[in-house]
Every structure is written in C-alpha cells, then in structure tokens.
Amino acid sequence: MSNSVTLSLGAFEVVTTSNKGHDPEFWAETIANRVVSVGGNCHPIIAQQAEEFKQAVRDTALHYIKEAIKSDRTTLTAEFERQGHKDMADIIRRL
C-alpha cells in the first residue's frame, strides 16, 4: 500500500523590486495581462482588436489605481492630523 500526493501549481511569475514596491504601471499591466489573453493562432484582425482592448483595460486600471493611491493618502493625512501629527501629514502630502 502506498500513498501518492500530486500538487500542480500551474504557471506563475515572480517579480521583485529593490527598496520600493511595485508602481501603478506594473499593477495595471498585471491586471491587463490577467483579464485579456490573445491567442497565438487567432486571425490578425482579432488579435489587433484584443491588443487594443488590453491597452484600454490597462489604461483604465492605471487611472483607478492612481485614484485609489490618492484617496488612501488623503485618508492617511487626515488620520495623522486628527492624531496631532501634522508633520507626518505634511510628509505624506509631499509624496
């Protein structure tokens, strides 16, 4: 009697940075790549339309990611000021 365990992780990618997190452009590109996939054997016109749609997804994601960052910074500055840390709030505003 034997036990066998099979684990399939699928395809994945590891991307690292040095001394910072990933920028909004990286995340927008990642979103677009996850949402839209263009097959290698499709008609060239369909591939072109898919690539244009992928770019639209990327641009839309980038816009809203940047808006979310601004909104979060607004929340942080308000919280720092509420707690009496105007100096910290000013640092966040300058970012």
PDB file of N, CA and C in Angstrom:
ATOM      1  N   MET A   1       0.849  -1.162   0.000  1.00  0.00           N
ATOM      2  CA  MET A   1       0.000   0.000   0.000  1.00  0.00           C
ATOM      3  C   MET A   1       0.901   1.233   0.000  1.00  0.00           C
ATOM      4  N   SER A   2       0.597   2.187  -0.893  1.00  0.00           N
ATOM      5  CA  SER A   2       1.387   3.408  -0.938  1.00  0.00           C
ATOM      6  C   SER A   2       0.455   4.609  -1.101  1.00  0.00           C
ATOM      7  N   ASN A   3       0.905   5.718  -0.584  1.00  0.00           N
ATOM      8  CA  ASN A   3       0.166   6.973  -0.721  1.00  0.00           C
ATOM      9  C   ASN A   3       0.927   7.857  -1.686  1.00  0.00           C
ATOM     10  N   SER A   4       0.185   8.540  -2.532  1.00  0.00           N
ATOM     11  CA  SER A   4       0.806   9.426  -3.503  1.00  0.00           C
ATOM     12  C   SER A   4       0.097  10.774  -3.454  1.00  0.00           C
ATOM     13  N   VAL A   5       0.869  11.833  -3.453  1.00  0.00           N
ATOM     14  CA  VAL A   5       0.317  13.183  -3.439  1.00  0.00           C
ATOM     15  C   VAL A   5       0.834  13.907  -4.670  1.00  0.00           C
ATOM     16  N   THR A   6      -0.076  14.482  -5.424  1.00  0.00           N
ATOM     17  CA  THR A   6       0.294  15.262  -6.599  1.00  0.00           C
ATOM     18  C   THR A   6      -0.157  16.696  -6.390  1.00  0.00           C
ATOM     19  N   LEU A   7       0.722  17.624  -6.635  1.00  0.00           N
ATOM     20  CA  LEU A   7       0.420  19.036  -6.468  1.00  0.00           C
ATOM     21  C   LEU A   7       0.759  19.750  -7.761  1.00  0.00           C
ATOM     22  N   SER A   8      -0.202  20.448  -8.295  1.00  0.00           N
ATOM     23  CA  SER A   8       0.027  21.219  -9.507  1.00  0.00           C
ATOM     24  C   SER A   8      -0.170  22.689  -9.199  1.00  0.00           C
ATOM     25  N   LEU A   9       0.875  23.464  -9.358  1.00  0.00           N
ATOM     26  CA  LEU A   9       0.797  24.887  -9.078  1.00  0.00           C
ATOM     27  C   LEU A   9       0.384  25.691 -10.299  1.00  0.00           C
ATOM     28  N   GLY A  10       0.579  25.170 -11.470  1.00  0.00           N
ATOM     29  CA  GLY A  10       0.298  25.938 -12.682  1.00  0.00           C
ATOM     30  C   GLY A  10       1.419  26.920 -12.952  1.00  0.00           C
ATOM     31  N   ALA A  11       1.170  27.793 -13.896  1.00  0.00           N
ATOM     32  CA  ALA A  11       2.182  28.782 -14.261  1.00  0.00           C
ATOM     33  C   ALA A  11       2.105  29.977 -13.325  1.00  0.00           C
ATOM     34  N   PHE A  12       3.258  30.467 -12.913  1.00  0.00           N
ATOM     35  CA  PHE A  12       3.298  31.669 -12.096  1.00  0.00           C
ATOM     36  C   PHE A  12       4.570  32.430 -12.394  1.00  0.00           C
ATOM     37  N   GLU A  13       4.579  33.679 -11.990  1.00  0.00           N
ATOM     38  CA  GLU A  13       5.702  34.555 -12.260  1.00  0.00           C
ATOM     39  C   GLU A  13       6.072  35.276 -10.968  1.00  0.00           C
ATOM     40  N   VAL A  14       7.354  35.450 -10.732  1.00  0.00           N
ATOM     41  CA  VAL A  14       7.824  36.177  -9.564  1.00  0.00           C
ATOM     42  C   VAL A  14       8.553  37.419 -10.064  1.00  0.00           C
ATOM     43  N   VAL A  15       8.139  38.574  -9.553  1.00  0.00           N
ATOM     44  CA  VAL A  15       8.771  39.835  -9.925  1.00  0.00           C
ATOM     45  C   VAL A  15       9.136  40.558  -8.638  1.00  0.00           C
ATOM     46  N   THR A  16      10.381  40.978  -8.528  1.00  0.00           N
ATOM     47  CA  THR A  16      10.834  41.651  -7.313  1.00  0.00           C
ATOM     48  C   THR A  16      11.291  43.071  -7.628  1.00  0.00           C
ATOM     49  N   THR A  17      11.412  43.860  -6.578  1.00  0.00           N
ATOM     50  CA  THR A  17      11.942  45.218  -6.692  1.00  0.00           C
ATOM     51  C   THR A  17      12.975  45.407  -5.599  1.00  0.00           C
ATOM     52  N   SER A  18      13.730  46.480  -5.683  1.00  0.00           N
ATOM     53  CA  SER A  18      14.706  46.817  -4.641  1.00  0.00           C
ATOM     54  C   SER A  18      14.315  48.133  -3.986  1.00  0.00           C
ATOM     55  N   ASN A  19      14.147  48.094  -2.688  1.00  0.00           N
ATOM     56  CA  ASN A  19      13.891  49.297  -1.895  1.00  0.00           C
ATOM     57  C   ASN A  19      12.627  50.060  -2.273  1.00  0.00           C
ATOM     58  N   LYS A  20      11.645  49.369  -2.820  1.00  0.00           N
ATOM     59  CA  LYS A  20      10.360  50.006  -3.128  1.00  0.00           C
ATOM     60  C   LYS A  20       9.348  48.929  -3.489  1.00  0.00           C
ATOM     61  N   GLY A  21       8.108  49.330  -3.538  1.00  0.00           N
ATOM     62  CA  GLY A  21       7.070  48.415  -4.014  1.00  0.00           C
ATOM     63  C   GLY A  21       6.896  48.575  -5.512  1.00  0.00           C
ATOM     64  N   HIS A  22       5.991  47.814  -6.061  1.00  0.00           N
ATOM     65  CA  HIS A  22       5.713  47.935  -7.490  1.00  0.00           C
ATOM     66  C   HIS A  22       4.908  49.206  -7.756  1.00  0.00           C
ATOM     67  N   ASP A  23       5.196  49.848  -8.877  1.00  0.00           N
ATOM     68  CA  ASP A  23       4.499  51.080  -9.221  1.00  0.00           C
ATOM     69  C   ASP A  23       3.126  50.782  -9.848  1.00  0.00           C
ATOM     70  N   PRO A  24       2.273  51.792  -9.966  1.00  0.00           N
ATOM     71  CA  PRO A  24       0.934  51.583 -10.532  1.00  0.00           C
ATOM     72  C   PRO A  24       0.958  50.991 -11.943  1.00  0.00           C
ATOM     73  N   GLU A  25       1.948  51.364 -12.720  1.00  0.00           N
ATOM     74  CA  GLU A  25       2.047  50.831 -14.082  1.00  0.00           C
ATOM     75  C   GLU A  25       2.246  49.315 -14.080  1.00  0.00           C
ATOM     76  N   PHE A  26       3.054  48.822 -13.151  1.00  0.00           N
ATOM     77  CA  PHE A  26       3.253  47.377 -13.035  1.00  0.00           C
ATOM     78  C   PHE A  26       1.925  46.692 -12.743  1.00  0.00           C
ATOM     79  N   TRP A  27       1.164  47.220 -11.779  1.00  0.00           N
ATOM     80  CA  TRP A  27      -0.097  46.589 -11.402  1.00  0.00           C
ATOM     81  C   TRP A  27      -1.132  46.685 -12.515  1.00  0.00           C
ATOM     82  N   ALA A  28      -1.163  47.806 -13.223  1.00  0.00           N
ATOM     83  CA  ALA A  28      -2.103  47.944 -14.346  1.00  0.00           C
ATOM     84  C   ALA A  28      -1.779  46.931 -15.446  1.00  0.00           C
ATOM     85  N   GLU A  29      -0.507  46.750 -15.727  1.00  0.00           N
ATOM     86  CA  GLU A  29      -0.082  45.769 -16.735  1.00  0.00           C
ATOM     87  C   GLU A  29      -0.435  44.352 -16.286  1.00  0.00           C
ATOM     88  N   THR A  30      -0.228  44.071 -15.006  1.00  0.00           N
ATOM     89  CA  THR A  30      -0.565  42.755 -14.460  1.00  0.00           C
ATOM     90  C   THR A  30      -2.061  42.487 -14.589  1.00  0.00           C
ATOM     91  N   ILE A  31      -2.867  43.484 -14.265  1.00  0.00           N
ATOM     92  CA  ILE A  31      -4.323  43.347 -14.404  1.00  0.00           C
ATOM     93  C   ILE A  31      -4.697  43.078 -15.851  1.00  0.00           C
ATOM     94  N   ALA A  32      -4.169  43.873 -16.762  1.00  0.00           N
ATOM     95  CA  ALA A  32      -4.492  43.708 -18.184  1.00  0.00           C
ATOM     96  C   ALA A  32      -4.093  42.323 -18.682  1.00  0.00           C
ATOM     97  N   ASN A  33      -2.941  41.841 -18.253  1.00  0.00           N
ATOM     98  CA  ASN A  33      -2.488  40.515 -18.685  1.00  0.00           C
ATOM     99  C   ASN A  33      -3.378  39.404 -18.132  1.00  0.00           C
ATOM    100  N   ARG A  34      -3.934  39.611 -16.941  1.00  0.00           N
ATOM    101  CA  ARG A  34      -4.818  38.605 -16.349  1.00  0.00           C
ATOM    102  C   ARG A  34      -6.206  38.624 -16.984  1.00  0.00           C
ATOM    103  N   VAL A  35      -6.668  39.812 -17.367  1.00  0.00           N
ATOM    104  CA  VAL A  35      -8.023  39.961 -17.906  1.00  0.00           C
ATOM    105  C   VAL A  35      -8.088  39.583 -19.383  1.00  0.00           C
ATOM    106  N   VAL A  36      -7.069  39.956 -20.136  1.00  0.00           N
ATOM    107  CA  VAL A  36      -7.091  39.764 -21.587  1.00  0.00           C
ATOM    108  C   VAL A  36      -5.914  38.897 -22.014  1.00  0.00           C
ATOM    109  N   SER A  37      -6.225  37.841 -22.739  1.00  0.00           N
ATOM    110  CA  SER A  37      -5.198  36.969 -23.290  1.00  0.00           C
ATOM    111  C   SER A  37      -5.429  36.845 -24.790  1.00  0.00           C
ATOM    112  N   VAL A  38      -4.402  37.040 -25.556  1.00  0.00           N
ATOM    113  CA  VAL A  38      -4.514  36.974 -27.007  1.00  0.00           C
ATOM    114  C   VAL A  38      -3.883  35.663 -27.480  1.00  0.00           C
ATOM    115  N   GLY A  39      -4.685  34.821 -28.101  1.00  0.00           N
ATOM    116  CA  GLY A  39      -4.196  33.535 -28.594  1.00  0.00           C
ATOM    117  C   GLY A  39      -3.246  33.697 -29.757  1.00  0.00           C
ATOM    118  N   GLY A  40      -2.290  32.803 -29.860  1.00  0.00           N
ATOM    119  CA  GLY A  40      -1.289  32.882 -30.915  1.00  0.00           C
ATOM    120  C   GLY A  40      -1.790  32.468 -32.289  1.00  0.00           C
ATOM    121  N   ASN A  41      -2.896  31.746 -32.330  1.00  0.00           N
ATOM    122  CA  ASN A  41      -3.385  31.244 -33.615  1.00  0.00           C
ATOM    123  C   ASN A  41      -4.624  31.976 -34.120  1.00  0.00           C
ATOM    124  N   CYS A  42      -4.962  33.108 -33.522  1.00  0.00           N
ATOM    125  CA  CYS A  42      -6.174  33.799 -33.959  1.00  0.00           C
ATOM    126  C   CYS A  42      -5.884  34.691 -35.172  1.00  0.00           C
ATOM    127  N   HIS A  43      -6.946  35.083 -35.814  1.00  0.00           N
ATOM    128  CA  HIS A  43      -6.847  35.952 -37.004  1.00  0.00           C
ATOM    129  C   HIS A  43      -6.173  37.268 -36.601  1.00  0.00           C
ATOM    130  N   PRO A  44      -5.317  37.830 -37.457  1.00  0.00           N
ATOM    131  CA  PRO A  44      -4.581  39.058 -37.122  1.00  0.00           C
ATOM    132  C   PRO A  44      -5.487  40.232 -36.728  1.00  0.00           C
ATOM    133  N   ILE A  45      -6.630  40.343 -37.368  1.00  0.00           N
ATOM    134  CA  ILE A  45      -7.536  41.454 -37.032  1.00  0.00           C
ATOM    135  C   ILE A  45      -8.112  41.270 -35.628  1.00  0.00           C
ATOM    136  N   ILE A  46      -8.455  40.039 -35.290  1.00  0.00           N
ATOM    137  CA  ILE A  46      -8.960  39.745 -33.944  1.00  0.00           C
ATOM    138  C   ILE A  46      -7.859  39.979 -32.914  1.00  0.00           C
ATOM    139  N   ALA A  47      -6.636  39.576 -33.230  1.00  0.00           N
ATOM    140  CA  ALA A  47      -5.501  39.805 -32.328  1.00  0.00           C
ATOM    141  C   ALA A  47      -5.297  41.304 -32.106  1.00  0.00           C
ATOM    142  N   GLN A  48      -5.411  42.087 -33.166  1.00  0.00           N
ATOM    143  CA  GLN A  48      -5.245  43.537 -33.052  1.00  0.00           C
ATOM    144  C   GLN A  48      -6.335  44.131 -32.158  1.00  0.00           C
ATOM    145  N   GLN A  49      -7.578  43.696 -32.357  1.00  0.00           N
ATOM    146  CA  GLN A  49      -8.674  44.186 -31.514  1.00  0.00           C
ATOM    147  C   GLN A  49      -8.449  43.803 -30.054  1.00  0.00           C
ATOM    148  N   ALA A  50      -7.985  42.588 -29.822  1.00  0.00           N
ATOM    149  CA  ALA A  50      -7.732  42.138 -28.456  1.00  0.00           C
ATOM    150  C   ALA A  50      -6.614  42.954 -27.812  1.00  0.00           C
ATOM    151  N   GLU A  51      -5.569  43.252 -28.564  1.00  0.00           N
ATOM    152  CA  GLU A  51      -4.471  44.061 -28.034  1.00  0.00           C
ATOM    153  C   GLU A  51      -4.945  45.478 -27.701  1.00  0.00           C
ATOM    154  N   GLU A  52      -5.814  46.036 -28.553  1.00  0.00           N
ATOM    155  CA  GLU A  52      -6.349  47.367 -28.280  1.00  0.00           C
ATOM    156  C   GLU A  52      -7.243  47.347 -27.043  1.00  0.00           C
ATOM    157  N   PHE A  53      -8.039  46.293 -26.891  1.00  0.00           N
ATOM    158  CA  PHE A  53      -8.868  46.150 -25.702  1.00  0.00           C
ATOM    159  C   PHE A  53      -7.990  45.998 -24.462  1.00  0.00           C
ATOM    160  N   LYS A  54      -6.933  45.223 -24.591  1.00  0.00           N
ATOM    161  CA  LYS A  54      -5.992  45.026 -23.469  1.00  0.00           C
ATOM    162  C   LYS A  54      -5.392  46.363 -23.047  1.00  0.00           C
ATOM    163  N   GLN A  55      -5.040  47.199 -24.017  1.00  0.00           N
ATOM    164  CA  GLN A  55      -4.497  48.522 -23.709  1.00  0.00           C
ATOM    165  C   GLN A  55      -5.539  49.386 -23.008  1.00  0.00           C
ATOM    166  N   ALA A  56      -6.795  49.280 -23.430  1.00  0.00           N
ATOM    167  CA  ALA A  56      -7.870  50.036 -22.781  1.00  0.00           C
ATOM    168  C   ALA A  56      -8.058  49.564 -21.337  1.00  0.00           C
ATOM    169  N   VAL A  57      -7.973  48.263 -21.110  1.00  0.00           N
ATOM    170  CA  VAL A  57      -8.070  47.724 -19.751  1.00  0.00           C
ATOM    171  C   VAL A  57      -6.915  48.251 -18.910  1.00  0.00           C
ATOM    172  N   ARG A  58      -5.712  48.235 -19.473  1.00  0.00           N
ATOM    173  CA  ARG A  58      -4.530  48.730 -18.765  1.00  0.00           C
ATOM    174  C   ARG A  58      -4.694  50.196 -18.400  1.00  0.00           C
ATOM    175  N   ASP A  59      -5.111  51.020 -19.360  1.00  0.00           N
ATOM    176  CA  ASP A  59      -5.268  52.449 -19.114  1.00  0.00           C
ATOM    177  C   ASP A  59      -6.328  52.726 -18.045  1.00  0.00           C
ATOM    178  N   THR A  60      -7.432  51.995 -18.106  1.00  0.00           N
ATOM    179  CA  THR A  60      -8.499  52.166 -17.121  1.00  0.00           C
ATOM    180  C   THR A  60      -8.023  51.741 -15.735  1.00  0.00           C
ATOM    181  N   ALA A  61      -7.367  50.598 -15.658  1.00  0.00           N
ATOM    182  CA  ALA A  61      -6.850  50.112 -14.375  1.00  0.00           C
ATOM    183  C   ALA A  61      -5.849  51.112 -13.802  1.00  0.00           C
ATOM    184  N   LEU A  62      -4.955  51.621 -14.640  1.00  0.00           N
ATOM    185  CA  LEU A  62      -3.942  52.573 -14.182  1.00  0.00           C
ATOM    186  C   LEU A  62      -4.600  53.818 -13.600  1.00  0.00           C
ATOM    187  N   HIS A  63      -5.607  54.327 -14.284  1.00  0.00           N
ATOM    188  CA  HIS A  63      -6.309  55.520 -13.797  1.00  0.00           C
ATOM    189  C   HIS A  63      -6.874  55.288 -12.393  1.00  0.00           C
ATOM    190  N   TYR A  64      -7.588  54.186 -12.228  1.00  0.00           N
ATOM    191  CA  TYR A  64      -8.237  53.941 -10.940  1.00  0.00           C
ATOM    192  C   TYR A  64      -7.260  53.531  -9.836  1.00  0.00           C
ATOM    193  N   ILE A  65      -6.170  52.902 -10.199  1.00  0.00           N
ATOM    194  CA  ILE A  65      -5.128  52.608  -9.204  1.00  0.00           C
ATOM    195  C   ILE A  65      -4.554  53.919  -8.670  1.00  0.00           C
ATOM    196  N   LYS A  66      -4.260  54.847  -9.571  1.00  0.00           N
ATOM    197  CA  LYS A  66      -3.722  56.146  -9.144  1.00  0.00           C
ATOM    198  C   LYS A  66      -4.728  56.902  -8.287  1.00  0.00           C
ATOM    199  N   GLU A  67      -6.007  56.834  -8.642  1.00  0.00           N
ATOM    200  CA  GLU A  67      -7.041  57.475  -7.829  1.00  0.00           C
ATOM    201  C   GLU A  67      -7.120  56.839  -6.440  1.00  0.00           C
ATOM    202  N   ALA A  68      -6.997  55.522  -6.374  1.00  0.00           N
ATOM    203  CA  ALA A  68      -7.037  54.830  -5.087  1.00  0.00           C
ATOM    204  C   ALA A  68      -5.858  55.239  -4.213  1.00  0.00           C
ATOM    205  N   ILE A  69      -4.683  55.399  -4.818  1.00  0.00           N
ATOM    206  CA  ILE A  69      -3.499  55.833  -4.066  1.00  0.00           C
ATOM    207  C   ILE A  69      -3.731  57.230  -3.501  1.00  0.00           C
ATOM    208  N   LYS A  70      -4.259  58.144  -4.329  1.00  0.00           N
ATOM    209  CA  LYS A  70      -4.538  59.497  -3.849  1.00  0.00           C
ATOM    210  C   LYS A  70      -5.551  59.477  -2.704  1.00  0.00           C
ATOM    211  N   SER A  71      -6.566  58.672  -2.846  1.00  0.00           N
ATOM    212  CA  SER A  71      -7.601  58.578  -1.821  1.00  0.00           C
ATOM    213  C   SER A  71      -7.025  58.046  -0.513  1.00  0.00           C
ATOM    214  N   ASP A  72      -6.178  57.027  -0.607  1.00  0.00           N
ATOM    215  CA  ASP A  72      -5.567  56.472   0.594  1.00  0.00           C
ATOM    216  C   ASP A  72      -4.663  57.492   1.268  1.00  0.00           C
ATOM    217  N   ARG A  73      -3.922  58.251   0.482  1.00  0.00           N
ATOM    218  CA  ARG A  73      -3.054  59.281   1.069  1.00  0.00           C
ATOM    219  C   ARG A  73      -3.881  60.366   1.754  1.00  0.00           C
ATOM    220  N   THR A  74      -5.021  60.695   1.172  1.00  0.00           N
ATOM    221  CA  THR A  74      -5.914  61.664   1.810  1.00  0.00           C
ATOM    222  C   THR A  74      -6.382  61.138   3.159  1.00  0.00           C
ATOM    223  N   THR A  75      -6.740  59.851   3.197  1.00  0.00           N
ATOM    224  CA  THR A  75      -7.158  59.223   4.454  1.00  0.00           C
ATOM    225  C   THR A  75      -6.023  59.244   5.474  1.00  0.00           C
ATOM    226  N   LEU A  76      -4.814  58.917   5.037  1.00  0.00           N
ATOM    227  CA  LEU A  76      -3.660  58.918   5.947  1.00  0.00           C
ATOM    228  C   LEU A  76      -3.368  60.310   6.498  1.00  0.00           C
ATOM    229  N   THR A  77      -3.362  61.313   5.634  1.00  0.00           N
ATOM    230  CA  THR A  77      -3.070  62.670   6.111  1.00  0.00           C
ATOM    231  C   THR A  77      -4.127  63.128   7.102  1.00  0.00           C
ATOM    232  N   ALA A  78      -5.386  62.818   6.835  1.00  0.00           N
ATOM    233  CA  ALA A  78      -6.454  63.204   7.758  1.00  0.00           C
ATOM    234  C   ALA A  78      -6.283  62.508   9.105  1.00  0.00           C
ATOM    235  N   GLU A  79      -5.919  61.235   9.071  1.00  0.00           N
ATOM    236  CA  GLU A  79      -5.729  60.485  10.326  1.00  0.00           C
ATOM    237  C   GLU A  79      -4.524  61.011  11.107  1.00  0.00           C
ATOM    238  N   PHE A  80      -3.425  61.306  10.422  1.00  0.00           N
ATOM    239  CA  PHE A  80      -2.262  61.871  11.105  1.00  0.00           C
ATOM    240  C   PHE A  80      -2.603  63.216  11.747  1.00  0.00           C
ATOM    241  N   GLU A  81      -3.324  64.053  11.008  1.00  0.00           N
ATOM    242  CA  GLU A  81      -3.700  65.350  11.563  1.00  0.00           C
ATOM    243  C   GLU A  81      -4.648  65.186  12.747  1.00  0.00           C
ATOM    244  N   ARG A  82      -5.588  64.258  12.651  1.00  0.00           N
ATOM    245  CA  ARG A  82      -6.541  64.005  13.737  1.00  0.00           C
ATOM    246  C   ARG A  82      -5.801  63.599  15.012  1.00  0.00           C
ATOM    247  N   GLN A  83      -4.703  62.856  14.831  1.00  0.00           N
ATOM    248  CA  GLN A  83      -3.934  62.402  15.990  1.00  0.00           C
ATOM    249  C   GLN A  83      -2.847  63.400  16.412  1.00  0.00           C
ATOM    250  N   GLY A  84      -2.830  64.577  15.775  1.00  0.00           N
ATOM    251  CA  GLY A  84      -1.881  65.611  16.167  1.00  0.00           C
ATOM    252  C   GLY A  84      -0.510  65.500  15.542  1.00  0.00           C
ATOM    253  N   HIS A  85      -0.392  64.780  14.452  1.00  0.00           N
ATOM    254  CA  HIS A  85       0.906  64.600  13.781  1.00  0.00           C
ATOM    255  C   HIS A  85       0.927  65.347  12.443  1.00  0.00           C
ATOM    256  N   LYS A  86       0.816  66.686  12.525  1.00  0.00           N
ATOM    257  CA  LYS A  86       0.791  67.486  11.301  1.00  0.00           C
ATOM    258  C   LYS A  86       2.062  67.301  10.477  1.00  0.00           C
ATOM    259  N   ASP A  87       3.190  67.113  11.133  1.00  0.00           N
ATOM    260  CA  ASP A  87       4.452  66.912  10.428  1.00  0.00           C
ATOM    261  C   ASP A  87       4.399  65.661   9.548  1.00  0.00           C
ATOM    262  N   MET A  88       3.819  64.587  10.076  1.00  0.00           N
ATOM    263  CA  MET A  88       3.685  63.346   9.281  1.00  0.00           C
ATOM    264  C   MET A  88       2.704  63.549   8.122  1.00  0.00           C
ATOM    265  N   ALA A  89       1.630  64.261   8.402  1.00  0.00           N
ATOM    266  CA  ALA A  89       0.647  64.551   7.354  1.00  0.00           C
ATOM    267  C   ALA A  89       1.298  65.330   6.216  1.00  0.00           C
ATOM    268  N   ASP A  90       2.143  66.277   6.553  1.00  0.00           N
ATOM    269  CA  ASP A  90       2.843  67.077   5.530  1.00  0.00           C
ATOM    270  C   ASP A  90       3.786  66.198   4.695  1.00  0.00           C
ATOM    271  N   ILE A  91       4.447  65.242   5.341  1.00  0.00           N
ATOM    272  CA  ILE A  91       5.335  64.324   4.607  1.00  0.00           C
ATOM    273  C   ILE A  91       4.525  63.517   3.600  1.00  0.00           C
ATOM    274  N   ILE A  92       3.383  62.978   4.024  1.00  0.00           N
ATOM    275  CA  ILE A  92       2.529  62.200   3.127  1.00  0.00           C
ATOM    276  C   ILE A  92       2.042  63.066   1.972  1.00  0.00           C
ATOM    277  N   ARG A  93       1.663  64.296   2.252  1.00  0.00           N
ATOM    278  CA  ARG A  93       1.202  65.197   1.176  1.00  0.00           C
ATOM    279  C   ARG A  93       2.271  65.427   0.112  1.00  0.00           C
ATOM    280  N   ARG A  94       3.531  65.477   0.535  1.00  0.00           N
ATOM    281  CA  ARG A  94       4.614  65.745  -0.418  1.00  0.00           C
ATOM    282  C   ARG A  94       4.975  64.532  -1.284  1.00  0.00           C
ATOM    283  N   LEU A  95       4.499  63.357  -0.912  1.00  0.00           N
ATOM    284  CA  LEU A  95       4.826  62.158  -1.699  1.00  0.00           C
ATOM    285  C   LEU A  95       4.197  62.212  -3.074  1.00  0.00           C
TER     286      LEU A  95
END
